Amino acid sequence: MMSQKEGKREIIYQMTMSAARQMLEKGLISEKEYKQFDTKMQQKYSPIFGTLFSNINLQ
C-alpha cells in the first residue's frame, strides 16, 4: 500500500509530466528535452507508477 507521502509525490509527478507532454505535443520542447526533464522529475519525486510508463515511445 502506498503511503500518503508517496501518493502525493506520485500525483505531483504525474501532473508535472502531463504538462510536459502537452508542451512536447505543441512543439515547445523537444523529445530530448522531455526525456531529460522526465529523468530529473523521477529523481526528485521517486514515483512508483510513473516509472512504469517512462520508457514508452511517445511518437
N, C-alpha and C. Protein backbone atom coordinates (compact mmCIF):
# COMPACT_ATOMS: atom_id res chain seq x y z
N MET A 1 0.84 -1.18 0.00
CA MET A 1 0.00 0.00 0.00
C MET A 1 0.89 1.25 0.00
N MET A 2 0.48 2.24 -0.72
CA MET A 2 1.22 3.48 -0.86
C MET A 2 0.90 4.41 0.32
N SER A 3 1.95 5.01 0.87
CA SER A 3 1.74 5.97 1.96
C SER A 3 1.17 7.27 1.40
N GLN A 4 0.67 8.12 2.28
CA GLN A 4 0.13 9.41 1.84
C GLN A 4 1.22 10.25 1.19
N LYS A 5 2.43 10.21 1.75
CA LYS A 5 3.55 10.98 1.20
C LYS A 5 3.91 10.47 -0.21
N GLU A 6 3.94 9.14 -0.38
CA GLU A 6 4.23 8.56 -1.69
C GLU A 6 3.14 8.93 -2.69
N GLY A 7 1.90 8.89 -2.24
CA GLY A 7 0.78 9.25 -3.10
C GLY A 7 0.86 10.69 -3.57
N LYS A 8 1.22 11.58 -2.66
CA LYS A 8 1.35 12.99 -3.01
C LYS A 8 2.46 13.19 -4.04
N ARG A 9 3.61 12.52 -3.82
CA ARG A 9 4.72 12.62 -4.78
C ARG A 9 4.31 12.08 -6.14
N GLU A 10 3.55 11.00 -6.14
CA GLU A 10 3.09 10.39 -7.40
C GLU A 10 2.18 11.36 -8.16
N ILE A 11 1.25 11.99 -7.46
CA ILE A 11 0.33 12.93 -8.10
C ILE A 11 1.08 14.13 -8.66
N ILE A 12 2.01 14.66 -7.90
CA ILE A 12 2.79 15.81 -8.38
C ILE A 12 3.59 15.43 -9.62
N TYR A 13 4.21 14.26 -9.58
CA TYR A 13 4.98 13.80 -10.74
C TYR A 13 4.08 13.67 -11.97
N GLN A 14 2.93 13.01 -11.81
CA GLN A 14 2.02 12.79 -12.93
C GLN A 14 1.50 14.11 -13.51
N MET A 15 1.16 15.04 -12.65
CA MET A 15 0.67 16.35 -13.11
C MET A 15 1.77 17.12 -13.83
N THR A 16 2.97 17.07 -13.29
CA THR A 16 4.10 17.76 -13.90
C THR A 16 4.41 17.18 -15.28
N MET A 17 4.41 15.86 -15.37
CA MET A 17 4.73 15.23 -16.65
C MET A 17 3.59 15.39 -17.65
N SER A 18 2.37 15.51 -17.17
CA SER A 18 1.25 15.79 -18.08
C SER A 18 1.46 17.15 -18.76
N ALA A 19 1.86 18.14 -17.99
CA ALA A 19 2.14 19.46 -18.55
C ALA A 19 3.31 19.39 -19.53
N ALA A 20 4.33 18.61 -19.18
CA ALA A 20 5.48 18.47 -20.07
C ALA A 20 5.09 17.78 -21.37
N ARG A 21 4.21 16.76 -21.30
CA ARG A 21 3.74 16.09 -22.52
C ARG A 21 2.98 17.05 -23.41
N GLN A 22 2.19 17.92 -22.81
CA GLN A 22 1.45 18.92 -23.60
C GLN A 22 2.43 19.85 -24.30
N MET A 23 3.48 20.24 -23.60
CA MET A 23 4.49 21.11 -24.20
C MET A 23 5.19 20.39 -25.35
N LEU A 24 5.46 19.10 -25.18
CA LEU A 24 6.08 18.30 -26.24
C LEU A 24 5.16 18.22 -27.45
N GLU A 25 3.89 17.94 -27.21
CA GLU A 25 2.92 17.83 -28.30
C GLU A 25 2.76 19.14 -29.07
N LYS A 26 2.90 20.26 -28.40
CA LYS A 26 2.78 21.57 -29.04
C LYS A 26 4.09 22.03 -29.68
N GLY A 27 5.13 21.23 -29.53
CA GLY A 27 6.42 21.58 -30.13
C GLY A 27 7.20 22.62 -29.34
N LEU A 28 6.82 22.85 -28.09
CA LEU A 28 7.51 23.83 -27.28
C LEU A 28 8.83 23.30 -26.72
N ILE A 29 8.89 21.97 -26.58
CA ILE A 29 10.14 21.31 -26.15
C ILE A 29 10.37 20.11 -27.06
N SER A 30 11.62 19.70 -27.17
CA SER A 30 11.96 18.55 -28.00
C SER A 30 11.79 17.26 -27.20
N GLU A 31 11.81 16.13 -27.90
CA GLU A 31 11.72 14.84 -27.21
C GLU A 31 12.93 14.65 -26.28
N LYS A 32 14.08 15.12 -26.71
CA LYS A 32 15.29 15.02 -25.88
C LYS A 32 15.10 15.83 -24.59
N GLU A 33 14.57 17.04 -24.71
CA GLU A 33 14.33 17.87 -23.52
C GLU A 33 13.30 17.22 -22.60
N TYR A 34 12.27 16.62 -23.21
CA TYR A 34 11.24 15.94 -22.42
C TYR A 34 11.86 14.80 -21.61
N LYS A 35 12.68 14.00 -22.27
CA LYS A 35 13.31 12.86 -21.59
C LYS A 35 14.25 13.33 -20.48
N GLN A 36 14.99 14.39 -20.72
CA GLN A 36 15.88 14.93 -19.69
C GLN A 36 15.06 15.43 -18.49
N PHE A 37 13.97 16.11 -18.77
CA PHE A 37 13.09 16.62 -17.72
C PHE A 37 12.47 15.46 -16.94
N ASP A 38 12.03 14.43 -17.66
CA ASP A 38 11.44 13.27 -17.01
C ASP A 38 12.44 12.62 -16.06
N THR A 39 13.67 12.50 -16.49
CA THR A 39 14.71 11.92 -15.63
C THR A 39 14.87 12.73 -14.35
N LYS A 40 14.91 14.05 -14.48
CA LYS A 40 15.05 14.92 -13.30
C LYS A 40 13.84 14.79 -12.38
N MET A 41 12.65 14.72 -12.96
CA MET A 41 11.43 14.61 -12.14
C MET A 41 11.35 13.25 -11.44
N GLN A 42 11.82 12.19 -12.11
CA GLN A 42 11.86 10.88 -11.47
C GLN A 42 12.80 10.90 -10.27
N GLN A 43 13.94 11.56 -10.43
CA GLN A 43 14.90 11.66 -9.34
C GLN A 43 14.31 12.47 -8.18
N LYS A 44 13.60 13.53 -8.51
CA LYS A 44 13.04 14.42 -7.49
C LYS A 44 11.88 13.78 -6.74
N TYR A 45 10.95 13.16 -7.47
CA TYR A 45 9.71 12.68 -6.86
C TYR A 45 9.68 11.17 -6.58
N SER A 46 10.59 10.40 -7.14
CA SER A 46 10.62 8.94 -6.95
C SER A 46 9.24 8.32 -7.12
N PRO A 47 8.61 8.52 -8.29
CA PRO A 47 7.26 7.98 -8.48
C PRO A 47 7.28 6.46 -8.53
N ILE A 48 6.22 5.86 -8.06
CA ILE A 48 6.09 4.40 -8.09
C ILE A 48 5.51 3.96 -9.43
N PHE A 49 4.40 4.54 -9.82
CA PHE A 49 3.74 4.15 -11.07
C PHE A 49 4.30 4.89 -12.27
N GLY A 50 4.78 6.09 -12.06
CA GLY A 50 5.30 6.89 -13.16
C GLY A 50 6.42 6.22 -13.92
N THR A 51 7.26 5.47 -13.23
CA THR A 51 8.38 4.80 -13.90
C THR A 51 7.92 3.65 -14.78
N LEU A 52 6.72 3.15 -14.55
CA LEU A 52 6.20 2.06 -15.39
C LEU A 52 5.96 2.53 -16.82
N PHE A 53 5.69 3.83 -16.99
CA PHE A 53 5.35 4.37 -18.29
C PHE A 53 6.45 5.22 -18.90
N SER A 54 7.56 5.38 -18.22
CA SER A 54 8.58 6.31 -18.68
C SER A 54 9.31 5.85 -19.93
N ASN A 55 9.30 4.56 -20.23
CA ASN A 55 10.02 4.06 -21.39
C ASN A 55 9.15 3.94 -22.63
N ILE A 56 7.91 4.37 -22.57
CA ILE A 56 7.01 4.29 -23.71
C ILE A 56 7.39 5.37 -24.71
N ASN A 57 7.54 4.95 -25.99
CA ASN A 57 7.85 5.90 -27.05
C ASN A 57 6.62 6.74 -27.34
N LEU A 58 6.76 8.04 -27.29
CA LEU A 58 5.62 8.94 -27.45
C LEU A 58 5.28 9.23 -28.89
N GLN A 59 6.11 8.84 -29.82
CA GLN A 59 5.84 9.15 -31.22
C GLN A 59 5.71 7.91 -32.05
